[in-house]
Amino acid sequence: MVLNARDLGVNILAELSPEMHISDIVRAAYAFLANGRVTFKYMAKEMFRNIYETCVRPRLEYAAPFWNSHLKKHKEKYGK
């Protein structure tokens, strides 16, 4: 039995829960921001905003209609 599958960049669990997909995209977004902080010792607010809007936010919003959940724990994880 297949426990999860990845199609078009979206991870789907056997019970059709978006839990794994949400964890993956949030982890990737944090990793990207951490790499930016290591790369730039000082980052102005405008520069951070530009990086966030062009690189991080599209990753978080990809396939949002699929995983947009009604569960509070998913919204809290994404909202950080």
N, C-alpha and C. Protein backbone atom coordinates (compact mmCIF):
# COMPACT_ATOMS: atom_id res chain seq x y z
N MET A 1 0.84 -1.18 0.00
CA MET A 1 0.00 0.00 0.00
C MET A 1 0.89 1.25 0.00
N VAL A 2 0.53 2.21 -0.80
CA VAL A 2 1.27 3.46 -0.89
C VAL A 2 0.79 4.39 0.23
N LEU A 3 1.73 4.91 1.01
CA LEU A 3 1.37 5.79 2.11
C LEU A 3 1.24 7.24 1.68
N ASN A 4 2.05 7.64 0.71
CA ASN A 4 1.95 9.00 0.20
C ASN A 4 2.42 9.04 -1.24
N ALA A 5 2.03 10.10 -1.93
CA ALA A 5 2.43 10.29 -3.32
C ALA A 5 2.70 11.76 -3.55
N ARG A 6 3.54 12.04 -4.53
CA ARG A 6 3.84 13.43 -4.88
C ARG A 6 3.47 13.63 -6.34
N ASP A 7 2.58 14.57 -6.58
CA ASP A 7 2.13 14.87 -7.93
C ASP A 7 2.08 16.37 -8.11
N LEU A 8 2.75 16.87 -9.12
CA LEU A 8 2.81 18.30 -9.42
C LEU A 8 3.32 19.11 -8.23
N GLY A 9 4.23 18.52 -7.45
CA GLY A 9 4.82 19.22 -6.33
C GLY A 9 3.98 19.23 -5.07
N VAL A 10 2.89 18.47 -5.06
CA VAL A 10 2.01 18.41 -3.89
C VAL A 10 2.10 17.01 -3.30
N ASN A 11 2.42 16.93 -2.01
CA ASN A 11 2.46 15.65 -1.31
C ASN A 11 1.07 15.30 -0.81
N ILE A 12 0.63 14.11 -1.14
CA ILE A 12 -0.71 13.67 -0.74
C ILE A 12 -0.55 12.39 0.08
N LEU A 13 -1.10 12.38 1.28
CA LEU A 13 -1.09 11.18 2.11
C LEU A 13 -2.24 10.27 1.72
N ALA A 14 -2.18 9.02 2.13
CA ALA A 14 -3.20 8.04 1.79
C ALA A 14 -4.59 8.47 2.27
N GLU A 15 -4.66 9.13 3.40
CA GLU A 15 -5.97 9.58 3.91
C GLU A 15 -6.36 10.96 3.37
N LEU A 16 -5.65 11.42 2.35
CA LEU A 16 -5.90 12.71 1.68
C LEU A 16 -5.73 13.91 2.61
N SER A 17 -4.84 13.78 3.55
CA SER A 17 -4.53 14.87 4.47
C SER A 17 -3.39 15.71 3.90
N PRO A 18 -3.47 17.02 4.00
CA PRO A 18 -2.40 17.88 3.50
C PRO A 18 -1.25 18.06 4.49
N GLU A 19 -1.26 17.31 5.58
CA GLU A 19 -0.28 17.47 6.66
C GLU A 19 1.16 17.44 6.16
N MET A 20 1.50 16.46 5.36
CA MET A 20 2.87 16.31 4.87
C MET A 20 3.26 17.46 3.95
N HIS A 21 2.35 17.87 3.09
CA HIS A 21 2.62 18.97 2.16
C HIS A 21 2.87 20.26 2.92
N ILE A 22 2.05 20.54 3.91
CA ILE A 22 2.21 21.76 4.70
C ILE A 22 3.56 21.74 5.41
N SER A 23 3.91 20.61 6.02
CA SER A 23 5.20 20.51 6.71
C SER A 23 6.36 20.73 5.75
N ASP A 24 6.28 20.15 4.56
CA ASP A 24 7.36 20.29 3.59
C ASP A 24 7.54 21.73 3.12
N ILE A 25 6.45 22.42 2.80
CA ILE A 25 6.60 23.78 2.28
C ILE A 25 7.02 24.76 3.37
N VAL A 26 6.53 24.56 4.59
CA VAL A 26 6.94 25.44 5.69
C VAL A 26 8.42 25.23 6.00
N ARG A 27 8.87 23.97 6.00
CA ARG A 27 10.28 23.67 6.25
C ARG A 27 11.16 24.29 5.16
N ALA A 28 10.74 24.19 3.91
CA ALA A 28 11.51 24.76 2.81
C ALA A 28 11.57 26.28 2.90
N ALA A 29 10.47 26.91 3.30
CA ALA A 29 10.46 28.37 3.44
C ALA A 29 11.40 28.83 4.55
N TYR A 30 11.36 28.14 5.70
CA TYR A 30 12.27 28.48 6.79
C TYR A 30 13.73 28.28 6.38
N ALA A 31 14.00 27.20 5.65
CA ALA A 31 15.37 26.93 5.20
C ALA A 31 15.85 28.03 4.26
N PHE A 32 15.00 28.48 3.37
CA PHE A 32 15.38 29.54 2.44
C PHE A 32 15.68 30.83 3.20
N LEU A 33 14.84 31.18 4.17
CA LEU A 33 15.07 32.39 4.96
C LEU A 33 16.35 32.27 5.79
N ALA A 34 16.61 31.09 6.34
CA ALA A 34 17.83 30.88 7.13
C ALA A 34 19.07 31.04 6.25
N ASN A 35 19.02 30.53 5.04
CA ASN A 35 20.15 30.70 4.12
C ASN A 35 20.36 32.16 3.78
N GLY A 36 19.29 32.91 3.66
CA GLY A 36 19.40 34.34 3.40
C GLY A 36 20.04 35.08 4.55
N ARG A 37 19.72 34.68 5.77
CA ARG A 37 20.32 35.33 6.93
C ARG A 37 21.81 35.03 7.06
N VAL A 38 22.19 33.82 6.66
CA VAL A 38 23.61 33.45 6.70
C VAL A 38 24.37 34.20 5.61
N THR A 39 23.75 34.35 4.46
CA THR A 39 24.40 34.99 3.32
C THR A 39 24.60 36.48 3.56
N PHE A 40 23.59 37.13 4.08
CA PHE A 40 23.65 38.58 4.31
C PHE A 40 23.73 38.85 5.80
N LYS A 41 24.81 39.46 6.24
CA LYS A 41 24.96 39.79 7.66
C LYS A 41 23.96 40.86 8.08
N TYR A 42 23.72 41.81 7.20
CA TYR A 42 22.74 42.86 7.46
C TYR A 42 21.75 42.86 6.32
N MET A 43 20.47 42.89 6.66
CA MET A 43 19.45 42.90 5.63
C MET A 43 18.42 43.98 5.98
N ALA A 44 18.31 44.98 5.12
CA ALA A 44 17.34 46.04 5.33
C ALA A 44 15.93 45.47 5.18
N LYS A 45 14.96 46.15 5.77
CA LYS A 45 13.57 45.68 5.71
C LYS A 45 13.08 45.55 4.27
N GLU A 46 13.44 46.50 3.45
CA GLU A 46 13.00 46.47 2.05
C GLU A 46 13.60 45.27 1.30
N MET A 47 14.85 44.98 1.58
CA MET A 47 15.50 43.83 0.94
C MET A 47 14.84 42.53 1.39
N PHE A 48 14.58 42.40 2.69
CA PHE A 48 13.91 41.21 3.21
C PHE A 48 12.53 41.06 2.58
N ARG A 49 11.82 42.16 2.49
CA ARG A 49 10.48 42.13 1.90
C ARG A 49 10.54 41.67 0.44
N ASN A 50 11.49 42.18 -0.32
CA ASN A 50 11.64 41.77 -1.72
C ASN A 50 11.96 40.28 -1.84
N ILE A 51 12.88 39.81 -1.02
CA ILE A 51 13.23 38.39 -1.05
C ILE A 51 12.04 37.54 -0.66
N TYR A 52 11.34 37.95 0.38
CA TYR A 52 10.17 37.18 0.84
C TYR A 52 9.09 37.12 -0.24
N GLU A 53 8.78 38.27 -0.84
CA GLU A 53 7.70 38.32 -1.82
C GLU A 53 8.03 37.60 -3.12
N THR A 54 9.30 37.55 -3.49
CA THR A 54 9.65 36.91 -4.76
C THR A 54 10.06 35.45 -4.63
N CYS A 55 10.58 35.06 -3.49
CA CYS A 55 11.10 33.68 -3.37
C CYS A 55 10.33 32.81 -2.38
N VAL A 56 9.93 33.35 -1.26
CA VAL A 56 9.31 32.53 -0.22
C VAL A 56 7.80 32.44 -0.39
N ARG A 57 7.16 33.56 -0.55
CA ARG A 57 5.70 33.57 -0.61
C ARG A 57 5.12 32.71 -1.73
N PRO A 58 5.68 32.72 -2.94
CA PRO A 58 5.13 31.84 -3.98
C PRO A 58 5.22 30.36 -3.61
N ARG A 59 6.26 29.97 -2.90
CA ARG A 59 6.36 28.57 -2.45
C ARG A 59 5.27 28.23 -1.45
N LEU A 60 4.98 29.17 -0.56
CA LEU A 60 3.94 28.92 0.44
C LEU A 60 2.54 28.90 -0.19
N GLU A 61 2.35 29.67 -1.23
CA GLU A 61 1.02 29.77 -1.83
C GLU A 61 0.76 28.76 -2.94
N TYR A 62 1.79 28.00 -3.36
CA TYR A 62 1.61 27.03 -4.44
C TYR A 62 0.63 25.95 -4.00
N ALA A 63 -0.36 25.68 -4.82
CA ALA A 63 -1.39 24.66 -4.58
C ALA A 63 -2.20 24.96 -3.32
N ALA A 64 -2.34 26.21 -2.96
CA ALA A 64 -3.10 26.59 -1.77
C ALA A 64 -4.54 26.09 -1.79
N PRO A 65 -5.24 26.10 -2.91
CA PRO A 65 -6.61 25.58 -2.88
C PRO A 65 -6.70 24.12 -2.45
N PHE A 66 -5.67 23.34 -2.74
CA PHE A 66 -5.69 21.93 -2.33
C PHE A 66 -5.54 21.79 -0.83
N TRP A 67 -4.54 22.46 -0.25
CA TRP A 67 -4.25 22.20 1.15
C TRP A 67 -4.84 23.21 2.11
N ASN A 68 -5.50 24.24 1.60
CA ASN A 68 -6.10 25.23 2.49
C ASN A 68 -7.07 24.50 3.40
N SER A 69 -6.69 24.41 4.62
CA SER A 69 -7.39 23.53 5.55
C SER A 69 -8.25 24.30 6.54
N HIS A 70 -9.22 23.60 7.04
CA HIS A 70 -10.07 24.16 8.08
C HIS A 70 -9.54 23.84 9.47
N LEU A 71 -8.50 23.02 9.55
CA LEU A 71 -7.94 22.65 10.85
C LEU A 71 -7.06 23.76 11.39
N LYS A 72 -7.26 24.09 12.64
CA LYS A 72 -6.54 25.18 13.27
C LYS A 72 -5.03 24.92 13.32
N LYS A 73 -4.64 23.66 13.55
CA LYS A 73 -3.20 23.37 13.65
C LYS A 73 -2.48 23.63 12.33
N HIS A 74 -3.16 23.42 11.19
CA HIS A 74 -2.54 23.68 9.90
C HIS A 74 -2.41 25.18 9.67
N LYS A 75 -3.42 25.94 10.04
CA LYS A 75 -3.36 27.39 9.86
C LYS A 75 -2.27 28.01 10.73
N GLU A 76 -2.11 27.50 11.96
CA GLU A 76 -1.08 28.04 12.85
C GLU A 76 0.32 27.74 12.32
N LYS A 77 0.51 26.55 11.77
CA LYS A 77 1.82 26.17 11.24
C LYS A 77 2.18 27.06 10.06
N TYR A 78 1.23 27.32 9.19
CA TYR A 78 1.46 28.14 8.00
C TYR A 78 1.60 29.61 8.38
N GLY A 79 0.89 30.06 9.39
CA GLY A 79 0.86 31.47 9.76
C GLY A 79 2.12 31.99 10.42
N LYS A 80 3.00 31.13 10.87
CA LYS A 80 4.22 31.59 11.53
C LYS A 80 5.06 32.32 10.54
